[in-house]
Amino acid sequence: MRLSLRQYISKKFMSSKKASVVGLSLGLEGVSLCVLQHKKGEFICVEQTEFGYQDWAKALTEFVKSSKLTWAKCYLALTSHHYQLLHLDRPNVPQDEILKALEWPVKEMLNANESYVCDYTEYPMQVSGQNKIAVAAMAKNEVKKISEILFAAKLDLQSISVEEFALVALLPNQSDPILSLSQESGEEIILNIVKDQKLYFSRRIKGFENLGSYSIRELEMGLVDNLCVQIQRSMDFFESQLRQAPVRQIVINLDTRLQAEVARLIEKTMDLKVGHFEPESMSGQGNSVQQASFTALGAVFESYIDDKKTLSTPRDNVNAEGSV
């Protein structure tokens, strides 16, 4: 029998019911944080907050102290402004040698002299004749700086992941593909197609960074139509190139107060069911998870349900394997 995400995480926390864990996301405009606890058999979000980048290290330290979260486990996810996501040919080497073999391809593609920390994930399905992997790379100095800030705030950093991967963990584990559209404030839209809680396809859609400033009339005058064109192109690739069953469900979590209207317009244009992107683990619990906290929330859940390695490990290991 397949456990739901909520059931799975609930079982994980049975041995430490009073423990709190912290999810963090570093975005374009600031830092988002959510605190999760296991209460009455449920894993719930008990606190959320945001910090601007100015003095965020000091604000985080004060928050940890005032909320009595000293040395709580912390899971971090980065948005695209902090890393590069590359699609590279998989090196023809054993799996335990892939990171080492990626050193030169990553340096060559980034055309930089500085050192990078990187990790990768393999796609469950490939275009015929290809063998690509998704490689996330971040400047080693940035990883060290962020790790030291979290250590100084007395948080126990467990992992660093990236936005595309973290959002996958918020979707239900089902065999029918789901297309999700997610967006943090002022950023590009992330389009993921997920099946069996595995990422089959991901891309960023540019040109909608100011979506929250548009009126309903502007949305109806072609803006949503343009978004639908990008959605259709992604679905066509998923179905024809990856030879998968058609997408029948879309969920959205976009940076606009007119989200319901956007969903209605997409549904009308594409003749598909479109709903609000509600984290599967939180559904039915009455939790109000802020839009900006989705990536932070996913950072926690990904670490509990995904066996793949993340971009980095705790502070003591920033010089370990994975640096290029």
Protein backbone atom coordinates (compact mmCIF):
# COMPACT_ATOMS: atom_id res chain seq x y z
CA MET A 1 0.00 0.00 0.00
CA ARG A 2 1.35 3.43 -0.94
CA LEU A 3 1.56 5.93 1.90
CA SER A 4 0.56 9.53 1.31
CA LEU A 5 3.23 12.15 1.91
CA ARG A 6 1.44 13.28 5.07
CA GLN A 7 1.36 9.72 6.45
CA TYR A 8 4.98 9.11 5.54
CA ILE A 9 6.32 12.22 7.26
CA SER A 10 4.06 11.60 10.24
CA LYS A 11 5.70 8.18 10.69
CA LYS A 12 9.15 9.75 10.37
CA PHE A 13 8.43 12.09 13.26
CA MET A 14 6.79 9.62 15.62
CA SER A 15 10.02 9.24 17.60
CA SER A 16 10.42 13.00 18.16
CA LYS A 17 6.97 14.48 18.51
CA LYS A 18 8.11 17.73 20.10
CA ALA A 19 10.86 18.39 17.59
CA SER A 20 10.68 21.43 15.35
CA VAL A 21 12.35 21.62 11.96
CA VAL A 22 13.05 24.75 9.96
CA GLY A 23 12.66 25.20 6.21
CA LEU A 24 14.40 28.15 4.57
CA SER A 25 14.39 29.53 1.04
CA LEU A 26 16.68 32.21 -0.36
CA GLY A 27 14.84 34.16 -3.04
CA LEU A 28 15.32 37.26 -5.11
CA GLU A 29 13.81 39.67 -2.61
CA GLY A 30 14.59 38.01 0.70
CA VAL A 31 14.56 34.93 2.89
CA SER A 32 11.43 32.91 3.70
CA LEU A 33 11.18 30.62 6.71
CA CYS A 34 8.66 28.09 7.98
CA VAL A 35 8.70 26.09 11.20
CA LEU A 36 7.17 22.61 11.16
CA GLN A 37 6.16 20.43 14.09
CA HIS A 38 4.59 17.05 14.68
CA LYS A 39 1.35 17.54 16.63
CA LYS A 40 -1.44 15.06 17.32
CA GLY A 41 -0.29 12.72 14.60
CA GLU A 42 0.02 15.49 12.00
CA PHE A 43 2.97 17.36 10.53
CA ILE A 44 1.92 21.02 10.49
CA CYS A 45 3.33 24.46 9.80
CA VAL A 46 3.27 26.39 13.09
CA GLU A 47 5.11 29.57 12.14
CA GLN A 48 6.14 31.52 9.03
CA THR A 49 8.14 34.66 8.53
CA GLU A 50 10.25 36.55 6.00
CA PHE A 51 13.44 38.61 6.22
CA GLY A 52 14.78 41.21 3.82
CA TYR A 53 18.35 40.65 2.67
CA GLN A 54 19.62 43.60 4.66
CA ASP A 55 20.78 42.17 8.01
CA TRP A 56 18.98 38.87 7.40
CA ALA A 57 21.71 37.03 9.31
CA LYS A 58 21.02 39.13 12.42
CA ALA A 59 17.24 38.82 12.00
CA LEU A 60 17.50 35.05 11.67
CA THR A 61 19.64 34.75 14.79
CA GLU A 62 17.13 36.78 16.79
CA PHE A 63 14.21 34.75 15.43
CA VAL A 64 15.86 31.43 16.32
CA LYS A 65 16.54 32.65 19.85
CA SER A 66 13.07 34.12 20.45
CA SER A 67 11.31 31.07 18.99
CA LYS A 68 13.46 28.64 21.01
CA LEU A 69 14.73 26.88 17.90
CA THR A 70 18.38 26.60 18.93
CA TRP A 71 20.07 23.79 16.94
CA ALA A 72 16.82 22.76 15.27
CA LYS A 73 17.36 20.82 12.04
CA CYS A 74 17.35 23.19 9.08
CA TYR A 75 16.71 22.47 5.39
CA LEU A 76 17.54 25.11 2.81
CA ALA A 77 16.41 25.57 -0.79
CA LEU A 78 17.78 28.17 -3.20
CA THR A 79 15.99 30.02 -5.97
CA SER A 80 17.54 30.44 -9.41
CA HIS A 81 19.47 33.63 -8.61
CA HIS A 82 21.79 31.63 -6.38
CA TYR A 83 22.70 28.71 -8.64
CA GLN A 84 22.95 27.46 -12.19
CA LEU A 85 20.91 24.50 -13.39
CA LEU A 86 22.68 22.79 -16.28
CA HIS A 87 21.54 19.95 -18.52
CA LEU A 88 24.63 17.93 -19.37
CA ASP A 89 25.44 14.59 -20.93
CA ARG A 90 25.84 11.94 -18.25
CA PRO A 91 29.52 10.96 -17.97
CA ASN A 92 30.13 7.36 -18.98
CA VAL A 93 31.56 6.38 -15.60
CA PRO A 94 30.29 4.47 -12.53
CA GLN A 95 27.81 6.42 -10.42
CA ASP A 96 30.26 7.07 -7.59
CA GLU A 97 32.60 8.81 -10.06
CA ILE A 98 30.04 11.10 -11.72
CA LEU A 99 30.66 14.16 -9.54
CA LYS A 100 34.39 14.00 -10.22
CA ALA A 101 33.77 13.55 -13.94
CA LEU A 102 31.52 16.64 -14.00
CA GLU A 103 34.30 19.02 -12.93
CA TRP A 104 35.48 20.06 -16.38
CA PRO A 105 32.09 20.09 -18.15
CA VAL A 106 30.69 22.38 -15.41
CA LYS A 107 33.68 24.73 -15.48
CA GLU A 108 33.61 24.87 -19.27
CA MET A 109 29.90 25.65 -19.46
CA LEU A 110 30.04 28.30 -16.72
CA ASN A 111 33.23 29.79 -18.16
CA ALA A 112 34.42 30.78 -14.69
CA ASN A 113 37.58 30.36 -12.67
CA GLU A 114 35.95 30.16 -9.25
CA SER A 115 35.19 26.87 -7.51
CA TYR A 116 31.66 25.44 -7.50
CA VAL A 117 29.73 23.01 -5.35
CA CYS A 118 27.52 20.83 -7.49
CA ASP A 119 25.21 17.87 -7.44
CA TYR A 120 22.97 16.20 -9.99
CA THR A 121 19.79 14.25 -10.50
CA GLU A 122 18.98 11.75 -13.22
CA TYR A 123 15.76 11.95 -15.21
CA PRO A 124 13.42 8.94 -15.05
CA MET A 125 12.87 9.14 -18.84
CA GLN A 126 15.12 10.37 -21.66
CA VAL A 127 14.62 11.65 -25.17
CA SER A 128 15.52 8.86 -27.58
CA GLY A 129 19.28 8.76 -28.13
CA GLN A 130 20.11 11.08 -25.22
CA ASN A 131 21.35 10.48 -21.68
CA LYS A 132 21.13 13.82 -19.87
CA ILE A 133 21.37 14.72 -16.20
CA ALA A 134 20.38 17.92 -14.39
CA VAL A 135 23.35 19.47 -12.60
CA ALA A 136 22.90 22.19 -9.99
CA ALA A 137 26.02 24.30 -9.41
CA MET A 138 26.61 27.10 -6.92
CA ALA A 139 29.72 29.12 -6.14
CA LYS A 140 31.60 27.42 -3.33
CA ASN A 141 32.19 30.72 -1.53
CA GLU A 142 28.43 31.36 -1.45
CA VAL A 143 27.74 27.90 0.00
CA LYS A 144 30.34 28.53 2.69
CA LYS A 145 28.95 31.99 3.49
CA ILE A 146 25.36 30.76 3.82
CA SER A 147 26.42 27.74 5.87
CA GLU A 148 28.34 29.97 8.28
CA ILE A 149 25.35 32.30 8.70
CA LEU A 150 23.11 29.38 9.63
CA PHE A 151 25.74 27.97 11.99
CA ALA A 152 26.10 31.36 13.68
CA ALA A 153 22.30 31.48 14.08
CA LYS A 154 22.57 28.09 15.85
CA LEU A 155 20.65 26.09 13.26
CA ASP A 156 21.69 22.55 12.38
CA LEU A 157 21.95 22.68 8.58
CA GLN A 158 21.05 19.30 7.11
CA SER A 159 20.95 19.96 3.38
CA ILE A 160 20.91 22.55 0.61
CA SER A 161 18.69 21.91 -2.37
CA VAL A 162 17.32 23.91 -5.29
CA GLU A 163 13.84 25.21 -6.06
CA GLU A 164 12.94 22.87 -8.93
CA PHE A 165 13.64 19.77 -6.86
CA ALA A 166 12.09 21.07 -3.64
CA LEU A 167 8.73 21.81 -5.29
CA VAL A 168 8.41 18.22 -6.51
CA ALA A 169 8.12 17.06 -2.92
CA LEU A 170 4.90 19.05 -2.43
CA LEU A 171 2.96 17.15 -5.10
CA PRO A 172 1.08 13.89 -4.48
CA ASN A 173 2.69 10.57 -5.32
CA GLN A 174 0.46 9.43 -8.20
CA SER A 175 0.91 7.71 -11.54
CA ASP A 176 -1.00 10.37 -13.49
CA PRO A 177 1.27 13.28 -14.49
CA ILE A 178 0.73 16.70 -12.91
CA LEU A 179 1.93 20.00 -14.34
CA SER A 180 2.69 22.60 -11.68
CA LEU A 181 3.28 26.33 -12.10
CA SER A 182 4.97 28.00 -9.16
CA GLN A 183 6.37 31.48 -8.70
CA GLU A 184 7.93 33.45 -5.89
CA SER A 185 7.67 37.22 -5.75
CA GLY A 186 9.36 38.93 -8.70
CA GLU A 187 10.76 35.70 -10.14
CA GLU A 188 10.25 33.59 -13.25
CA ILE A 189 7.58 30.90 -13.29
CA ILE A 190 8.81 27.36 -12.66
CA LEU A 191 6.99 24.76 -14.74
CA ASN A 192 7.45 21.18 -13.54
CA ILE A 193 5.85 18.01 -14.87
CA VAL A 194 5.86 15.33 -12.17
CA LYS A 195 4.82 11.70 -12.19
CA ASP A 196 5.18 9.24 -9.31
CA GLN A 197 6.76 12.14 -7.42
CA LYS A 198 9.64 12.19 -9.90
CA LEU A 199 10.63 15.16 -12.01
CA TYR A 200 10.23 14.36 -15.71
CA PHE A 201 10.44 17.86 -17.12
CA SER A 202 11.30 21.31 -15.81
CA ARG A 203 11.74 24.75 -17.32
CA ARG A 204 11.58 28.41 -16.35
CA ILE A 205 9.15 30.69 -18.15
CA LYS A 206 10.41 34.23 -18.60
CA GLY A 207 8.34 37.37 -19.13
CA PHE A 208 5.93 36.98 -16.20
CA GLU A 209 8.07 38.40 -13.40
CA ASN A 210 5.57 41.28 -12.94
CA LEU A 211 2.48 39.09 -13.09
CA GLY A 212 1.21 40.47 -9.78
CA SER A 213 0.92 44.00 -11.21
CA TYR A 214 -1.51 43.12 -14.02
CA SER A 215 -5.27 43.71 -13.88
CA ILE A 216 -7.90 41.15 -14.83
CA ARG A 217 -8.43 43.00 -18.12
CA GLU A 218 -4.73 42.74 -18.98
CA LEU A 219 -4.79 39.04 -18.16
CA GLU A 220 -7.76 38.55 -20.48
CA MET A 221 -6.18 40.60 -23.28
CA GLY A 222 -3.54 38.01 -24.11
CA LEU A 223 -1.18 37.64 -21.18
CA VAL A 224 -2.63 34.32 -20.02
CA ASP A 225 -2.85 33.18 -23.66
CA ASN A 226 0.91 33.67 -23.92
CA LEU A 227 1.39 31.59 -20.78
CA CYS A 228 -0.83 28.86 -22.24
CA VAL A 229 1.38 28.70 -25.35
CA GLN A 230 4.37 27.91 -23.13
CA ILE A 231 2.39 25.34 -21.17
CA GLN A 232 1.28 23.62 -24.39
CA ARG A 233 4.84 23.48 -25.74
CA SER A 234 6.00 21.83 -22.53
CA MET A 235 3.17 19.31 -22.62
CA ASP A 236 3.88 18.49 -26.26
CA PHE A 237 7.52 17.75 -25.41
CA PHE A 238 6.51 15.58 -22.45
CA GLU A 239 4.05 13.57 -24.53
CA SER A 240 5.89 13.25 -27.85
CA GLN A 241 9.59 13.33 -26.95
CA LEU A 242 9.36 11.51 -23.63
CA ARG A 243 6.52 9.26 -24.85
CA GLN A 244 4.30 9.85 -21.82
CA ALA A 245 0.55 9.91 -21.30
CA PRO A 246 -1.11 13.33 -21.68
CA VAL A 247 -1.21 15.74 -18.76
CA ARG A 248 -4.76 16.11 -17.45
CA GLN A 249 -4.18 18.21 -14.36
CA ILE A 250 -2.52 21.58 -13.73
CA VAL A 251 -1.92 23.20 -10.32
CA ILE A 252 -0.77 26.79 -9.88
CA ASN A 253 0.77 28.93 -7.15
CA LEU A 254 1.60 32.25 -8.82
CA ASP A 255 2.60 35.71 -7.63
CA THR A 256 -0.75 37.41 -8.19
CA ARG A 257 -3.84 38.27 -6.17
CA LEU A 258 -5.88 37.19 -9.22
CA GLN A 259 -4.81 33.56 -9.04
CA ALA A 260 -8.37 32.22 -9.30
CA GLU A 261 -8.92 34.27 -12.46
CA VAL A 262 -5.65 33.01 -13.96
CA ALA A 263 -6.69 29.43 -13.22
CA ARG A 264 -10.08 30.02 -14.85
CA LEU A 265 -8.51 31.48 -17.99
CA ILE A 266 -5.98 28.64 -18.33
CA GLU A 267 -8.75 26.09 -17.82
CA LYS A 268 -10.91 27.73 -20.45
CA THR A 269 -8.11 27.98 -23.02
CA MET A 270 -6.61 24.53 -22.52
CA ASP A 271 -9.70 22.55 -21.55
CA LEU A 272 -7.88 21.02 -18.60
CA LYS A 273 -8.59 20.88 -14.89
CA VAL A 274 -6.69 23.71 -13.16
CA GLY A 275 -6.56 24.04 -9.39
CA HIS A 276 -4.64 25.73 -6.60
CA PHE A 277 -1.25 24.23 -5.82
CA GLU A 278 -1.85 23.00 -2.26
CA PRO A 279 0.95 20.95 -0.69
CA GLU A 280 -0.31 17.38 -0.48
CA SER A 281 1.09 16.95 3.03
CA MET A 282 -0.87 19.97 4.29
CA SER A 283 -4.22 19.37 2.57
CA GLY A 284 -7.26 19.15 4.80
CA GLN A 285 -5.40 20.38 7.88
CA GLY A 286 -6.44 24.02 7.77
CA ASN A 287 -2.86 25.19 7.36
CA SER A 288 -2.38 28.51 5.60
CA VAL A 289 1.04 28.22 4.01
CA GLN A 290 2.21 31.50 2.56
CA GLN A 291 3.03 31.49 -1.11
CA ALA A 292 6.61 32.55 -0.42
CA SER A 293 7.07 29.59 1.93
CA PHE A 294 6.42 26.87 -0.65
CA THR A 295 10.07 26.44 -1.53
CA ALA A 296 11.05 26.42 2.14
CA LEU A 297 8.38 23.83 2.86
CA GLY A 298 9.54 21.69 -0.05
CA ALA A 299 13.14 21.82 1.20
CA VAL A 300 12.04 19.97 4.33
CA PHE A 301 9.80 17.42 2.64
CA GLU A 302 12.29 16.64 -0.13
CA SER A 303 14.89 15.60 2.41
CA TYR A 304 12.50 13.15 4.02
CA ILE A 305 11.08 11.47 0.93
CA ASP A 306 13.85 11.64 -1.67
CA ASP A 307 16.84 9.31 -1.66
CA LYS A 308 18.91 11.46 -4.02
CA LYS A 309 21.73 13.59 -2.66
CA THR A 310 21.23 17.32 -2.30
CA LEU A 311 23.44 20.13 -3.47
CA SER A 312 25.42 20.31 -0.26
CA THR A 313 25.63 18.81 3.20
CA PRO A 314 26.19 20.47 6.57
CA ARG A 315 28.79 23.14 7.23
CA ASP A 316 31.65 20.75 8.03
CA ASN A 317 31.36 19.15 4.59
CA VAL A 318 31.43 22.16 2.27
CA ASN A 319 34.90 21.14 1.13
CA ALA A 320 33.89 17.53 0.51
CA GLU A 321 33.09 15.69 -2.69
CA GLY A 322 30.95 17.74 -5.01
CA SER A 323 33.22 20.77 -5.24
CA VAL A 324 34.46 21.62 -8.70
